[in-house]
Full PDB file with SEQRES, HELIX, SHEET, SSBOND, CRYST1, ORIGX, SCALE, CONECT and MASTER records, all heavy atoms in Angstrom:
SEQRES   1 A   34  HIS THR ALA VAL ALA ALA TYR LEU HIS GLU ARG ASP GLY          
SEQRES   2 A   34  ASP LEU ALA THR ALA ALA ARG LEU TYR ALA GLU ALA ALA          
SEQRES   3 A   34  HIS HIS ALA ALA ASN LEU ALA GLU                              
HELIX    1 AA1 THR A    2  ARG A   11  1                                  10    
HELIX    2 AA2 LEU A   15  HIS A   27  1                                  13    
CRYST1    1.000    1.000    1.000  90.00  90.00  90.00 P 1           1          
ORIGX1      1.000000  0.000000  0.000000        0.00000                         
ORIGX2      0.000000  1.000000  0.000000        0.00000                         
ORIGX3      0.000000  0.000000  1.000000        0.00000                         
SCALE1      1.000000  0.000000  0.000000        0.00000                         
SCALE2      0.000000  1.000000  0.000000        0.00000                         
SCALE3      0.000000  0.000000  1.000000        0.00000                         
ATOM      1  N   HIS A   1     104.056  65.474 116.300  1.00  0.00           N  
ATOM      2  CA  HIS A   1     103.128  64.380 116.520  1.00  0.00           C  
ATOM      3  C   HIS A   1     101.820  64.889 117.092  1.00  0.00           C  
ATOM      4  O   HIS A   1     100.721  64.510 116.607  1.00  0.00           O  
ATOM      5  CB  HIS A   1     103.770  63.352 117.472  1.00  0.00           C  
ATOM      6  CG  HIS A   1     102.969  62.138 117.672  1.00  0.00           C  
ATOM      7  ND1 HIS A   1     101.836  62.100 118.452  1.00  0.00           N  
ATOM      8  CD2 HIS A   1     103.086  60.817 117.202  1.00  0.00           C  
ATOM      9  CE1 HIS A   1     101.295  60.890 118.481  1.00  0.00           C  
ATOM     10  NE2 HIS A   1     102.028  60.090 117.708  1.00  0.00           N  
ATOM     11  N   THR A   2     101.915  65.775 118.081  1.00  0.00           N  
ATOM     12  CA  THR A   2     100.694  66.286 118.741  1.00  0.00           C  
ATOM     13  C   THR A   2      99.890  67.125 117.775  1.00  0.00           C  
ATOM     14  O   THR A   2      98.650  67.084 117.826  1.00  0.00           O  
ATOM     15  CB  THR A   2     101.080  67.104 119.970  1.00  0.00           C  
ATOM     16  OG1 THR A   2     101.948  66.301 120.812  1.00  0.00           O  
ATOM     17  CG2 THR A   2      99.874  67.553 120.779  1.00  0.00           C  
ATOM     18  N   ALA A   3     100.539  67.908 116.942  1.00  0.00           N  
ATOM     19  CA  ALA A   3      99.798  68.727 115.986  1.00  0.00           C  
ATOM     20  C   ALA A   3      99.054  67.857 114.998  1.00  0.00           C  
ATOM     21  O   ALA A   3      97.895  68.183 114.607  1.00  0.00           O  
ATOM     22  CB  ALA A   3     100.774  69.673 115.246  1.00  0.00           C  
ATOM     23  N   VAL A   4      99.660  66.799 114.528  1.00  0.00           N  
ATOM     24  CA  VAL A   4      98.989  65.850 113.600  1.00  0.00           C  
ATOM     25  C   VAL A   4      97.816  65.215 114.267  1.00  0.00           C  
ATOM     26  O   VAL A   4      96.687  65.076 113.697  1.00  0.00           O  
ATOM     27  CB  VAL A   4     100.020  64.804 113.090  1.00  0.00           C  
ATOM     28  CG1 VAL A   4      99.259  63.685 112.355  1.00  0.00           C  
ATOM     29  CG2 VAL A   4     101.059  65.417 112.220  1.00  0.00           C  
ATOM     30  N   ALA A   5      97.998  64.764 115.550  1.00  0.00           N  
ATOM     31  CA  ALA A   5      96.863  64.183 116.291  1.00  0.00           C  
ATOM     32  C   ALA A   5      95.711  65.204 116.421  1.00  0.00           C  
ATOM     33  O   ALA A   5      94.544  64.839 116.274  1.00  0.00           O  
ATOM     34  CB  ALA A   5      97.323  63.765 117.689  1.00  0.00           C  
ATOM     35  N   ALA A   6      96.054  66.466 116.679  1.00  0.00           N  
ATOM     36  CA  ALA A   6      95.018  67.500 116.780  1.00  0.00           C  
ATOM     37  C   ALA A   6      94.224  67.607 115.472  1.00  0.00           C  
ATOM     38  O   ALA A   6      93.040  67.692 115.448  1.00  0.00           O  
ATOM     39  CB  ALA A   6      95.641  68.821 117.187  1.00  0.00           C  
ATOM     40  N   TYR A   7      94.941  67.680 114.358  1.00  0.00           N  
ATOM     41  CA  TYR A   7      94.265  67.809 113.062  1.00  0.00           C  
ATOM     42  C   TYR A   7      93.377  66.625 112.788  1.00  0.00           C  
ATOM     43  O   TYR A   7      92.243  66.793 112.314  1.00  0.00           O  
ATOM     44  CB  TYR A   7      95.374  67.937 111.987  1.00  0.00           C  
ATOM     45  CG  TYR A   7      94.824  67.893 110.599  1.00  0.00           C  
ATOM     46  CD1 TYR A   7      94.131  69.034 110.042  1.00  0.00           C  
ATOM     47  CD2 TYR A   7      94.901  66.765 109.811  1.00  0.00           C  
ATOM     48  CE1 TYR A   7      93.600  69.029 108.762  1.00  0.00           C  
ATOM     49  CE2 TYR A   7      94.390  66.748 108.473  1.00  0.00           C  
ATOM     50  CZ  TYR A   7      93.735  67.864 107.998  1.00  0.00           C  
ATOM     51  OH  TYR A   7      93.246  67.819 106.751  1.00  0.00           O  
ATOM     52  N   LEU A   8      93.875  65.400 113.052  1.00  0.00           N  
ATOM     53  CA  LEU A   8      93.052  64.237 112.738  1.00  0.00           C  
ATOM     54  C   LEU A   8      91.870  64.110 113.684  1.00  0.00           C  
ATOM     55  O   LEU A   8      90.760  63.725 113.216  1.00  0.00           O  
ATOM     56  CB  LEU A   8      93.906  62.963 112.852  1.00  0.00           C  
ATOM     57  CG  LEU A   8      94.983  62.828 111.777  1.00  0.00           C  
ATOM     58  CD1 LEU A   8      95.919  61.676 112.081  1.00  0.00           C  
ATOM     59  CD2 LEU A   8      94.338  62.646 110.387  1.00  0.00           C  
ATOM     60  N   HIS A   9      92.014  64.513 114.920  1.00  0.00           N  
ATOM     61  CA  HIS A   9      90.845  64.535 115.833  1.00  0.00           C  
ATOM     62  C   HIS A   9      89.810  65.595 115.388  1.00  0.00           C  
ATOM     63  O   HIS A   9      88.598  65.367 115.475  1.00  0.00           O  
ATOM     64  CB  HIS A   9      91.296  64.830 117.284  1.00  0.00           C  
ATOM     65  CG  HIS A   9      91.720  63.591 118.003  1.00  0.00           C  
ATOM     66  ND1 HIS A   9      90.891  62.568 118.396  1.00  0.00           N  
ATOM     67  CD2 HIS A   9      92.978  63.197 118.403  1.00  0.00           C  
ATOM     68  CE1 HIS A   9      91.571  61.631 118.969  1.00  0.00           C  
ATOM     69  NE2 HIS A   9      92.859  61.977 119.027  1.00  0.00           N  
ATOM     70  N   GLU A  10      90.236  66.727 114.891  1.00  0.00           N  
ATOM     71  CA  GLU A  10      89.339  67.720 114.387  1.00  0.00           C  
ATOM     72  C   GLU A  10      88.580  67.154 113.166  1.00  0.00           C  
ATOM     73  O   GLU A  10      87.367  67.342 113.050  1.00  0.00           O  
ATOM     74  CB  GLU A  10      90.081  69.010 114.000  1.00  0.00           C  
ATOM     75  CG  GLU A  10      89.117  70.087 113.406  1.00  0.00           C  
ATOM     76  CD  GLU A  10      89.852  71.309 112.968  1.00  0.00           C  
ATOM     77  OE1 GLU A  10      91.086  71.423 113.133  1.00  0.00           O  
ATOM     78  OE2 GLU A  10      89.146  72.213 112.415  1.00  0.00           O  
ATOM     79  N   ARG A  11      89.302  66.515 112.257  1.00  0.00           N  
ATOM     80  CA  ARG A  11      88.649  65.878 111.078  1.00  0.00           C  
ATOM     81  C   ARG A  11      87.612  64.875 111.552  1.00  0.00           C  
ATOM     82  O   ARG A  11      86.585  64.691 110.859  1.00  0.00           O  
ATOM     83  CB  ARG A  11      89.698  65.250 110.211  1.00  0.00           C  
ATOM     84  CG  ARG A  11      90.613  66.147 109.432  1.00  0.00           C  
ATOM     85  CD  ARG A  11      89.954  66.686 108.143  1.00  0.00           C  
ATOM     86  NE  ARG A  11      89.195  65.639 107.456  1.00  0.00           N  
ATOM     87  CZ  ARG A  11      89.732  64.689 106.696  1.00  0.00           C  
ATOM     88  NH1 ARG A  11      91.049  64.659 106.499  1.00  0.00           N  
ATOM     89  NH2 ARG A  11      88.968  63.815 106.070  1.00  0.00           N  
ATOM     90  N   ASP A  12      87.872  64.210 112.658  1.00  0.00           N  
ATOM     91  CA  ASP A  12      86.946  63.202 113.113  1.00  0.00           C  
ATOM     92  C   ASP A  12      85.789  63.760 113.968  1.00  0.00           C  
ATOM     93  O   ASP A  12      84.908  63.024 114.444  1.00  0.00           O  
ATOM     94  CB  ASP A  12      87.775  62.159 114.002  1.00  0.00           C  
ATOM     95  CG  ASP A  12      86.982  60.882 114.243  1.00  0.00           C  
ATOM     96  OD1 ASP A  12      86.302  60.390 113.311  1.00  0.00           O  
ATOM     97  OD2 ASP A  12      87.054  60.383 115.388  1.00  0.00           O  
ATOM     98  N   GLY A  13      85.778  65.058 114.168  1.00  0.00           N  
ATOM     99  CA  GLY A  13      84.689  65.750 114.877  1.00  0.00           C  
ATOM    100  C   GLY A  13      84.853  65.874 116.366  1.00  0.00           C  
ATOM    101  O   GLY A  13      83.957  66.383 117.031  1.00  0.00           O  
ATOM    102  N   ASP A  14      85.993  65.415 116.881  1.00  0.00           N  
ATOM    103  CA  ASP A  14      86.237  65.523 118.333  1.00  0.00           C  
ATOM    104  C   ASP A  14      86.923  66.862 118.609  1.00  0.00           C  
ATOM    105  O   ASP A  14      88.171  66.959 118.772  1.00  0.00           O  
ATOM    106  CB  ASP A  14      87.110  64.350 118.803  1.00  0.00           C  
ATOM    107  CG  ASP A  14      87.298  64.322 120.332  1.00  0.00           C  
ATOM    108  OD1 ASP A  14      86.867  65.278 120.992  1.00  0.00           O  
ATOM    109  OD2 ASP A  14      87.892  63.348 120.830  1.00  0.00           O  
ATOM    110  N   LEU A  15      86.170  67.938 118.653  1.00  0.00           N  
ATOM    111  CA  LEU A  15      86.703  69.282 118.703  1.00  0.00           C  
ATOM    112  C   LEU A  15      87.365  69.579 120.050  1.00  0.00           C  
ATOM    113  O   LEU A  15      88.358  70.324 120.119  1.00  0.00           O  
ATOM    114  CB  LEU A  15      85.626  70.344 118.442  1.00  0.00           C  
ATOM    115  CG  LEU A  15      84.929  70.177 117.065  1.00  0.00           C  
ATOM    116  CD1 LEU A  15      84.044  71.372 116.813  1.00  0.00           C  
ATOM    117  CD2 LEU A  15      85.932  69.993 115.942  1.00  0.00           C  
ATOM    118  N   ALA A  16      86.811  69.057 121.134  1.00  0.00           N  
ATOM    119  CA  ALA A  16      87.419  69.315 122.444  1.00  0.00           C  
ATOM    120  C   ALA A  16      88.809  68.723 122.555  1.00  0.00           C  
ATOM    121  O   ALA A  16      89.755  69.370 123.020  1.00  0.00           O  
ATOM    122  CB  ALA A  16      86.523  68.676 123.539  1.00  0.00           C  
ATOM    123  N   THR A  17      89.000  67.484 122.089  1.00  0.00           N  
ATOM    124  CA  THR A  17      90.315  66.875 122.111  1.00  0.00           C  
ATOM    125  C   THR A  17      91.272  67.608 121.187  1.00  0.00           C  
ATOM    126  O   THR A  17      92.449  67.863 121.491  1.00  0.00           O  
ATOM    127  CB  THR A  17      90.287  65.381 121.744  1.00  0.00           C  
ATOM    128  OG1 THR A  17      89.422  64.683 122.659  1.00  0.00           O  
ATOM    129  CG2 THR A  17      91.609  64.740 121.689  1.00  0.00           C  
ATOM    130  N   ALA A  18      90.727  68.015 119.993  1.00  0.00           N  
ATOM    131  CA  ALA A  18      91.564  68.684 119.018  1.00  0.00           C  
ATOM    132  C   ALA A  18      92.075  70.031 119.596  1.00  0.00           C  
ATOM    133  O   ALA A  18      93.214  70.346 119.433  1.00  0.00           O  
ATOM    134  CB  ALA A  18      90.775  68.905 117.723  1.00  0.00           C  
ATOM    135  N   ALA A  19      91.203  70.787 120.211  1.00  0.00           N  
ATOM    136  CA  ALA A  19      91.545  72.071 120.771  1.00  0.00           C  
ATOM    137  C   ALA A  19      92.630  71.895 121.838  1.00  0.00           C  
ATOM    138  O   ALA A  19      93.623  72.688 121.891  1.00  0.00           O  
ATOM    139  CB  ALA A  19      90.344  72.766 121.364  1.00  0.00           C  
ATOM    140  N   ARG A  20      92.470  70.926 122.707  1.00  0.00           N  
ATOM    141  CA  ARG A  20      93.485  70.669 123.756  1.00  0.00           C  
ATOM    142  C   ARG A  20      94.839  70.284 123.144  1.00  0.00           C  
ATOM    143  O   ARG A  20      95.864  70.784 123.589  1.00  0.00           O  
ATOM    144  CB  ARG A  20      93.025  69.548 124.666  1.00  0.00           C  
ATOM    145  CG  ARG A  20      93.998  69.130 125.741  1.00  0.00           C  
ATOM    146  CD  ARG A  20      93.468  68.064 126.634  1.00  0.00           C  
ATOM    147  NE  ARG A  20      93.053  66.852 125.886  1.00  0.00           N  
ATOM    148  CZ  ARG A  20      93.923  65.916 125.473  1.00  0.00           C  
ATOM    149  NH1 ARG A  20      95.202  66.028 125.669  1.00  0.00           N  
ATOM    150  NH2 ARG A  20      93.455  64.885 124.816  1.00  0.00           N  
ATOM    151  N   LEU A  21      94.816  69.448 122.111  1.00  0.00           N  
ATOM    152  CA  LEU A  21      96.080  69.033 121.474  1.00  0.00           C  
ATOM    153  C   LEU A  21      96.733  70.145 120.693  1.00  0.00           C  
ATOM    154  O   LEU A  21      97.954  70.261 120.704  1.00  0.00           O  
ATOM    155  CB  LEU A  21      95.827  67.822 120.567  1.00  0.00           C  
ATOM    156  CG  LEU A  21      95.429  66.559 121.286  1.00  0.00           C  
ATOM    157  CD1 LEU A  21      95.019  65.454 120.313  1.00  0.00           C  
ATOM    158  CD2 LEU A  21      96.615  66.037 122.168  1.00  0.00           C  
ATOM    159  N   TYR A  22      95.915  70.988 120.049  1.00  0.00           N  
ATOM    160  CA  TYR A  22      96.510  72.155 119.380  1.00  0.00           C  
ATOM    161  C   TYR A  22      97.246  73.068 120.354  1.00  0.00           C  
ATOM    162  O   TYR A  22      98.355  73.544 120.099  1.00  0.00           O  
ATOM    163  CB  TYR A  22      95.390  72.981 118.635  1.00  0.00           C  
ATOM    164  CG  TYR A  22      95.017  72.462 117.274  1.00  0.00           C  
ATOM    165  CD1 TYR A  22      93.707  72.284 116.911  1.00  0.00           C  
ATOM    166  CD2 TYR A  22      95.993  72.224 116.329  1.00  0.00           C  
ATOM    167  CE1 TYR A  22      93.349  71.865 115.672  1.00  0.00           C  
ATOM    168  CE2 TYR A  22      95.687  71.779 115.041  1.00  0.00           C  
ATOM    169  CZ  TYR A  22      94.345  71.600 114.727  1.00  0.00           C  
ATOM    170  OH  TYR A  22      93.980  71.152 113.453  1.00  0.00           O  
ATOM    171  N   ALA A  23      96.660  73.298 121.506  1.00  0.00           N  
ATOM    172  CA  ALA A  23      97.284  74.126 122.514  1.00  0.00           C  
ATOM    173  C   ALA A  23      98.563  73.484 123.031  1.00  0.00           C  
ATOM    174  O   ALA A  23      99.569  74.188 123.287  1.00  0.00           O  
ATOM    175  CB  ALA A  23      96.288  74.378 123.681  1.00  0.00           C  
ATOM    176  N   GLU A  24      98.484  72.180 123.260  1.00  0.00           N  
ATOM    177  CA  GLU A  24      99.715  71.455 123.719  1.00  0.00           C  
ATOM    178  C   GLU A  24     100.808  71.490 122.649  1.00  0.00           C  
ATOM    179  O   GLU A  24     101.981  71.717 122.927  1.00  0.00           O  
ATOM    180  CB  GLU A  24      99.314  70.012 123.990  1.00  0.00           C  
ATOM    181  CG  GLU A  24     100.467  69.178 124.545  1.00  0.00           C  
ATOM    182  CD  GLU A  24     100.091  67.748 124.826  1.00  0.00           C  
ATOM    183  OE1 GLU A  24      98.868  67.492 124.985  1.00  0.00           O  
ATOM    184  OE2 GLU A  24     100.981  66.860 124.822  1.00  0.00           O  
ATOM    185  N   ALA A  25     100.418  71.343 121.381  1.00  0.00           N  
ATOM    186  CA  ALA A  25     101.407  71.369 120.305  1.00  0.00           C  
ATOM    187  C   ALA A  25     102.032  72.771 120.177  1.00  0.00           C  
ATOM    188  O   ALA A  25     103.211  72.874 119.921  1.00  0.00           O  
ATOM    189  CB  ALA A  25     100.749  70.995 118.964  1.00  0.00           C  
ATOM    190  N   ALA A  26     101.248  73.785 120.407  1.00  0.00           N  
ATOM    191  CA  ALA A  26     101.746  75.167 120.359  1.00  0.00           C  
ATOM    192  C   ALA A  26     102.830  75.374 121.395  1.00  0.00           C  
ATOM    193  O   ALA A  26     103.813  76.108 121.113  1.00  0.00           O  
ATOM    194  CB  ALA A  26     100.619  76.161 120.538  1.00  0.00           C  
ATOM    195  N   HIS A  27     102.678  74.763 122.526  1.00  0.00           N  
ATOM    196  CA  HIS A  27     103.650  74.953 123.586  1.00  0.00           C  
ATOM    197  C   HIS A  27     104.990  74.399 123.207  1.00  0.00           C  
ATOM    198  O   HIS A  27     106.035  74.850 123.701  1.00  0.00           O  
ATOM    199  CB  HIS A  27     103.133  74.246 124.855  1.00  0.00           C  
ATOM    200  CG  HIS A  27     104.060  74.360 126.052  1.00  0.00           C  
ATOM    201  ND1 HIS A  27     104.288  75.576 126.659  1.00  0.00           N  
ATOM    202  CD2 HIS A  27     104.811  73.405 126.669  1.00  0.00           C  
ATOM    203  CE1 HIS A  27     105.156  75.329 127.684  1.00  0.00           C  
ATOM    204  NE2 HIS A  27     105.501  74.102 127.666  1.00  0.00           N  
ATOM    205  N   HIS A  28     105.000  73.373 122.369  1.00  0.00           N  
ATOM    206  CA  HIS A  28     106.267  72.713 121.968  1.00  0.00           C  
ATOM    207  C   HIS A  28     106.706  73.052 120.552  1.00  0.00           C  
ATOM    208  O   HIS A  28     107.606  72.394 120.006  1.00  0.00           O  
ATOM    209  CB  HIS A  28     106.086  71.156 122.076  1.00  0.00           C  
ATOM    210  CG  HIS A  28     105.786  70.705 123.459  1.00  0.00           C  
ATOM    211  ND1 HIS A  28     106.727  70.739 124.456  1.00  0.00           N  
ATOM    212  CD2 HIS A  28     104.657  70.222 124.020  1.00  0.00           C  
ATOM    213  CE1 HIS A  28     106.175  70.227 125.604  1.00  0.00           C  
ATOM    214  NE2 HIS A  28     104.936  69.931 125.343  1.00  0.00           N  
ATOM    215  N   ALA A  29     106.094  74.021 119.935  1.00  0.00           N  
ATOM    216  CA  ALA A  29     106.387  74.399 118.577  1.00  0.00           C  
ATOM    217  C   ALA A  29     107.825  74.806 118.386  1.00  0.00           C  
ATOM    218  O   ALA A  29     108.420  75.421 119.290  1.00  0.00           O  
ATOM    219  CB  ALA A  29     105.468  75.497 118.068  1.00  0.00           C  
ATOM    220  N   ALA A  30     108.400  74.506 117.190  1.00  0.00           N  
ATOM    221  CA  ALA A  30     109.789  74.780 116.932  1.00  0.00           C  
ATOM    222  C   ALA A  30     110.119  76.248 116.643  1.00  0.00           C  
ATOM    223  O   ALA A  30     111.253  76.663 116.789  1.00  0.00           O  
ATOM    224  CB  ALA A  30     110.299  73.884 115.772  1.00  0.00           C  
ATOM    225  N   ASN A  31     109.103  76.988 116.189  1.00  0.00           N  
ATOM    226  CA  ASN A  31     109.346  78.377 115.854  1.00  0.00           C  
ATOM    227  C   ASN A  31     108.083  79.229 116.143  1.00  0.00           C  
ATOM    228  O   ASN A  31     107.016  78.659 116.385  1.00  0.00           O  
ATOM    229  CB  ASN A  31     109.787  78.567 114.389  1.00  0.00           C  
ATOM    230  CG  ASN A  31     108.817  78.012 113.433  1.00  0.00           C  
ATOM    231  OD1 ASN A  31     107.699  78.430 113.322  1.00  0.00           O  
ATOM    232  ND2 ASN A  31     109.224  76.949 112.684  1.00  0.00           N  
ATOM    233  N   LEU A  32     108.272  80.543 116.146  1.00  0.00           N  
ATOM    234  CA  LEU A  32     107.182  81.407 116.519  1.00  0.00           C  
ATOM    235  C   LEU A  32     106.021  81.348 115.603  1.00  0.00           C  
ATOM    236  O   LEU A  32     104.845  81.327 116.045  1.00  0.00           O  
ATOM    237  CB  LEU A  32     107.720  82.871 116.567  1.00  0.00           C  
ATOM    238  CG  LEU A  32     106.725  83.936 116.980  1.00  0.00           C  
ATOM    239  CD1 LEU A  32     106.214  83.701 118.412  1.00  0.00           C  
ATOM    240  CD2 LEU A  32     107.381  85.325 116.888  1.00  0.00           C  
ATOM    241  N   ALA A  33     106.266  81.268 114.299  1.00  0.00           N  
ATOM    242  CA  ALA A  33     105.154  81.209 113.313  1.00  0.00           C  
ATOM    243  C   ALA A  33     104.319  79.948 113.514  1.00  0.00           C  
ATOM    244  O   ALA A  33     103.051  80.008 113.474  1.00  0.00           O  
ATOM    245  CB  ALA A  33     105.733  81.267 111.871  1.00  0.00           C  
ATOM    246  N   GLU A  34     104.970  78.807 113.737  1.00  0.00           N  
ATOM    247  CA  GLU A  34     104.205  77.593 113.973  1.00  0.00           C  
ATOM    248  C   GLU A  34     103.424  77.656 115.276  1.00  0.00           C  
ATOM    249  O   GLU A  34     102.263  77.224 115.374  1.00  0.00           O  
ATOM    250  CB  GLU A  34     105.191  76.423 113.976  1.00  0.00           C  
ATOM    251  CG  GLU A  34     104.521  75.101 114.086  1.00  0.00           C  
ATOM    252  CD  GLU A  34     105.530  73.912 114.045  1.00  0.00           C  
ATOM    253  OE1 GLU A  34     106.673  74.152 113.494  1.00  0.00           O  
ATOM    254  OE2 GLU A  34     105.181  72.826 114.488  1.00  0.00           O  
TER     255      GLU A  34                                                      
MASTER        0    0    0    2    0    0    0    6  254    1    0    3          
END                                                                             
């Protein structure tokens, strides 16, 4: 959910929020590659 939110915020031009959400999503990722 957080990764999708990050992607949509990036598409909307809110890069600060997108970067924060990408980092948060990485912390909860299911595998190393993700």
